């Protein structure tokens, strides 16, 4: 199962775009996923990477925390 880091989840697209740009500017792979929840709210999820194992994801997680002060969540690809 592939794993990604979720750097943020926003209801405001501009905030997601800022986070996405910050990650890209600092050399991290990043993208914004757009999803609707059960209450019909649009969420903008900022995700980074696609790792084949938890160890790789944890190393990248530590790098984001140390370099940018971001505390991402480790999420399976294809899930919230």
N, C-alpha and C. Protein backbone atom coordinates (compact mmCIF):
# COMPACT_ATOMS: atom_id res chain seq x y z
N UNK A 1 0.84 -1.18 0.00
CA UNK A 1 0.00 0.00 0.00
C UNK A 1 0.89 1.24 0.00
N UNK A 2 0.59 2.18 -0.85
CA UNK A 2 1.34 3.44 -0.92
C UNK A 2 0.92 4.37 0.20
N UNK A 3 1.86 5.16 0.67
CA UNK A 3 1.64 6.08 1.78
C UNK A 3 2.04 7.48 1.34
N UNK A 4 1.28 8.48 1.78
CA UNK A 4 1.61 9.88 1.50
C UNK A 4 1.59 10.65 2.81
N UNK A 5 2.16 11.84 2.79
CA UNK A 5 2.10 12.73 3.94
C UNK A 5 1.04 13.79 3.67
N UNK A 6 0.21 14.04 4.64
CA UNK A 6 -0.77 15.11 4.52
C UNK A 6 -0.27 16.29 5.35
N UNK A 7 0.14 17.34 4.65
CA UNK A 7 0.71 18.51 5.32
C UNK A 7 -0.37 19.45 5.84
N UNK A 8 -1.57 19.35 5.29
CA UNK A 8 -2.65 20.22 5.74
C UNK A 8 -3.96 19.86 5.07
N UNK A 9 -5.05 20.26 5.72
CA UNK A 9 -6.40 20.10 5.20
C UNK A 9 -7.12 21.42 5.42
N UNK A 10 -7.60 22.02 4.35
CA UNK A 10 -8.15 23.37 4.42
C UNK A 10 -9.53 23.44 3.78
N UNK A 11 -10.37 24.29 4.32
CA UNK A 11 -11.64 24.61 3.69
C UNK A 11 -11.48 25.78 2.72
N UNK A 12 -10.37 26.49 2.85
CA UNK A 12 -10.08 27.65 2.00
C UNK A 12 -9.00 27.25 0.99
N UNK A 13 -9.32 27.33 -0.30
CA UNK A 13 -8.39 26.91 -1.33
C UNK A 13 -7.11 27.74 -1.34
N UNK A 14 -7.21 29.03 -1.05
CA UNK A 14 -6.02 29.89 -1.05
C UNK A 14 -5.01 29.42 0.00
N UNK A 15 -5.48 28.99 1.16
CA UNK A 15 -4.58 28.48 2.20
C UNK A 15 -3.89 27.20 1.74
N UNK A 16 -4.63 26.34 1.09
CA UNK A 16 -4.05 25.10 0.57
C UNK A 16 -3.00 25.41 -0.49
N UNK A 17 -3.30 26.35 -1.36
CA UNK A 17 -2.35 26.72 -2.41
C UNK A 17 -1.06 27.31 -1.83
N UNK A 18 -1.18 28.09 -0.75
CA UNK A 18 0.01 28.64 -0.08
C UNK A 18 0.88 27.54 0.49
N UNK A 19 0.25 26.58 1.16
CA UNK A 19 0.99 25.46 1.73
C UNK A 19 1.65 24.64 0.62
N UNK A 20 0.91 24.39 -0.43
CA UNK A 20 1.43 23.63 -1.57
C UNK A 20 2.66 24.33 -2.16
N UNK A 21 2.55 25.63 -2.38
CA UNK A 21 3.67 26.40 -2.94
C UNK A 21 4.88 26.38 -2.01
N UNK A 22 4.65 26.46 -0.70
CA UNK A 22 5.74 26.42 0.28
C UNK A 22 6.49 25.10 0.19
N UNK A 23 5.75 24.01 0.08
CA UNK A 23 6.40 22.70 -0.02
C UNK A 23 7.22 22.59 -1.30
N UNK A 24 6.62 22.98 -2.42
CA UNK A 24 7.32 22.90 -3.70
C UNK A 24 8.56 23.78 -3.69
N UNK A 25 8.44 24.99 -3.17
CA UNK A 25 9.58 25.92 -3.10
C UNK A 25 10.74 25.33 -2.31
N UNK A 26 10.42 24.49 -1.33
CA UNK A 26 11.45 23.90 -0.48
C UNK A 26 11.86 22.49 -0.93
N UNK A 27 11.49 22.14 -2.17
CA UNK A 27 11.98 20.89 -2.75
C UNK A 27 11.15 19.65 -2.46
N UNK A 28 9.97 19.81 -1.90
CA UNK A 28 9.12 18.65 -1.62
C UNK A 28 8.10 18.46 -2.74
N UNK A 29 7.84 17.22 -3.07
CA UNK A 29 6.77 16.89 -4.00
C UNK A 29 5.46 17.26 -3.31
N UNK A 30 4.57 17.92 -4.00
CA UNK A 30 3.32 18.33 -3.34
C UNK A 30 2.20 18.48 -4.36
N UNK A 31 0.99 18.24 -3.87
CA UNK A 31 -0.20 18.39 -4.69
C UNK A 31 -1.39 18.71 -3.80
N UNK A 32 -2.45 19.25 -4.39
CA UNK A 32 -3.67 19.55 -3.66
C UNK A 32 -4.77 18.64 -4.17
N UNK A 33 -5.38 17.89 -3.27
CA UNK A 33 -6.52 17.04 -3.60
C UNK A 33 -7.79 17.77 -3.17
N UNK A 34 -8.80 17.72 -4.00
CA UNK A 34 -10.06 18.39 -3.69
C UNK A 34 -11.13 17.32 -3.46
N UNK A 35 -11.72 17.34 -2.27
CA UNK A 35 -12.71 16.34 -1.89
C UNK A 35 -13.91 16.99 -1.22
N UNK A 36 -15.05 16.33 -1.33
CA UNK A 36 -16.28 16.78 -0.63
C UNK A 36 -16.53 15.82 0.52
N UNK A 37 -16.93 16.37 1.67
CA UNK A 37 -17.25 15.50 2.80
C UNK A 37 -18.76 15.23 2.83
N UNK A 38 -19.20 14.51 3.84
CA UNK A 38 -20.61 14.12 3.95
C UNK A 38 -21.55 15.30 4.17
N UNK A 39 -20.98 16.44 4.59
CA UNK A 39 -21.80 17.65 4.78
C UNK A 39 -21.70 18.59 3.59
N UNK A 40 -21.18 18.07 2.46
CA UNK A 40 -21.05 18.79 1.20
C UNK A 40 -20.08 19.97 1.28
N UNK A 41 -19.13 19.90 2.21
CA UNK A 41 -18.07 20.91 2.28
C UNK A 41 -16.93 20.48 1.38
N UNK A 42 -16.29 21.43 0.73
CA UNK A 42 -15.14 21.14 -0.11
C UNK A 42 -13.87 21.31 0.71
N UNK A 43 -13.07 20.24 0.75
CA UNK A 43 -11.80 20.25 1.46
C UNK A 43 -10.66 20.23 0.45
N UNK A 44 -9.60 20.94 0.77
CA UNK A 44 -8.40 20.98 -0.04
C UNK A 44 -7.27 20.36 0.80
N UNK A 45 -6.88 19.15 0.41
CA UNK A 45 -5.87 18.41 1.16
C UNK A 45 -4.52 18.57 0.47
N UNK A 46 -3.52 18.97 1.22
CA UNK A 46 -2.17 19.12 0.68
C UNK A 46 -1.40 17.85 1.03
N UNK A 47 -1.03 17.10 0.00
CA UNK A 47 -0.33 15.83 0.19
C UNK A 47 1.04 15.88 -0.47
N UNK A 48 1.96 15.13 0.09
CA UNK A 48 3.33 15.07 -0.42
C UNK A 48 3.80 13.63 -0.45
N UNK A 49 4.47 13.28 -1.53
CA UNK A 49 5.13 11.99 -1.63
C UNK A 49 4.22 10.81 -1.89
N UNK A 50 4.84 9.71 -2.20
CA UNK A 50 4.20 8.41 -2.33
C UNK A 50 5.26 7.40 -1.91
N UNK A 51 5.11 6.87 -0.73
CA UNK A 51 6.13 5.99 -0.14
C UNK A 51 5.61 4.56 -0.10
N UNK A 52 6.50 3.62 -0.29
CA UNK A 52 6.11 2.22 -0.30
C UNK A 52 6.12 1.61 1.10
N UNK A 53 6.75 2.31 2.05
CA UNK A 53 6.77 1.78 3.42
C UNK A 53 6.73 2.93 4.43
N UNK A 54 6.38 2.57 5.62
CA UNK A 54 6.21 3.57 6.69
C UNK A 54 7.54 4.23 7.07
N UNK A 55 8.65 3.51 6.97
CA UNK A 55 9.95 4.09 7.33
C UNK A 55 10.29 5.29 6.46
N UNK A 56 10.10 5.15 5.15
CA UNK A 56 10.36 6.26 4.23
C UNK A 56 9.46 7.44 4.53
N UNK A 57 8.21 7.16 4.82
CA UNK A 57 7.25 8.23 5.13
C UNK A 57 7.63 8.93 6.43
N UNK A 58 8.09 8.18 7.42
CA UNK A 58 8.47 8.79 8.70
C UNK A 58 9.71 9.67 8.56
N UNK A 59 10.65 9.27 7.72
CA UNK A 59 11.84 10.10 7.47
C UNK A 59 11.43 11.42 6.82
N UNK A 60 10.54 11.35 5.83
CA UNK A 60 10.08 12.56 5.17
C UNK A 60 9.27 13.43 6.13
N UNK A 61 8.50 12.79 6.99
CA UNK A 61 7.71 13.50 8.01
C UNK A 61 8.65 14.30 8.92
N UNK A 62 9.71 13.69 9.36
CA UNK A 62 10.69 14.35 10.22
C UNK A 62 11.34 15.52 9.48
N UNK A 63 11.65 15.33 8.21
CA UNK A 63 12.25 16.39 7.42
C UNK A 63 11.32 17.60 7.29
N UNK A 64 10.04 17.36 7.04
CA UNK A 64 9.07 18.46 6.97
C UNK A 64 8.98 19.20 8.30
N UNK A 65 8.99 18.45 9.38
CA UNK A 65 8.89 19.06 10.71
C UNK A 65 10.13 19.91 11.01
N UNK A 66 11.30 19.36 10.73
CA UNK A 66 12.55 20.06 11.04
C UNK A 66 12.79 21.26 10.13
N UNK A 67 12.52 21.10 8.84
CA UNK A 67 12.84 22.15 7.87
C UNK A 67 11.77 23.24 7.75
N UNK A 68 10.50 22.87 7.90
CA UNK A 68 9.43 23.83 7.67
C UNK A 68 8.48 24.02 8.85
N UNK A 69 8.69 23.26 9.91
CA UNK A 69 7.81 23.39 11.07
C UNK A 69 6.41 22.82 10.84
N UNK A 70 6.29 21.96 9.84
CA UNK A 70 4.99 21.34 9.51
C UNK A 70 4.95 19.96 10.15
N UNK A 71 3.83 19.64 10.78
CA UNK A 71 3.66 18.32 11.39
C UNK A 71 2.63 17.53 10.58
N UNK A 72 3.10 16.84 9.52
CA UNK A 72 2.16 16.13 8.66
C UNK A 72 1.64 14.84 9.27
N UNK A 73 0.55 14.38 8.72
CA UNK A 73 -0.02 13.09 9.07
C UNK A 73 0.40 12.09 8.00
N UNK A 74 0.64 10.86 8.40
CA UNK A 74 0.93 9.79 7.45
C UNK A 74 -0.40 9.16 7.08
N UNK A 75 -0.73 9.18 5.78
CA UNK A 75 -2.03 8.70 5.31
C UNK A 75 -1.84 7.71 4.17
N UNK A 76 -2.63 6.63 4.15
CA UNK A 76 -2.61 5.74 2.98
C UNK A 76 -3.12 6.48 1.75
N UNK A 77 -2.48 6.28 0.62
CA UNK A 77 -2.93 6.92 -0.62
C UNK A 77 -4.33 6.43 -0.95
N UNK A 78 -5.19 7.37 -1.34
CA UNK A 78 -6.56 7.02 -1.71
C UNK A 78 -7.55 7.17 -0.57
N UNK A 79 -7.09 7.65 0.59
CA UNK A 79 -7.98 7.85 1.73
C UNK A 79 -7.90 9.29 2.20
N UNK A 80 -8.85 9.67 3.01
CA UNK A 80 -8.83 11.00 3.63
C UNK A 80 -7.66 11.02 4.57
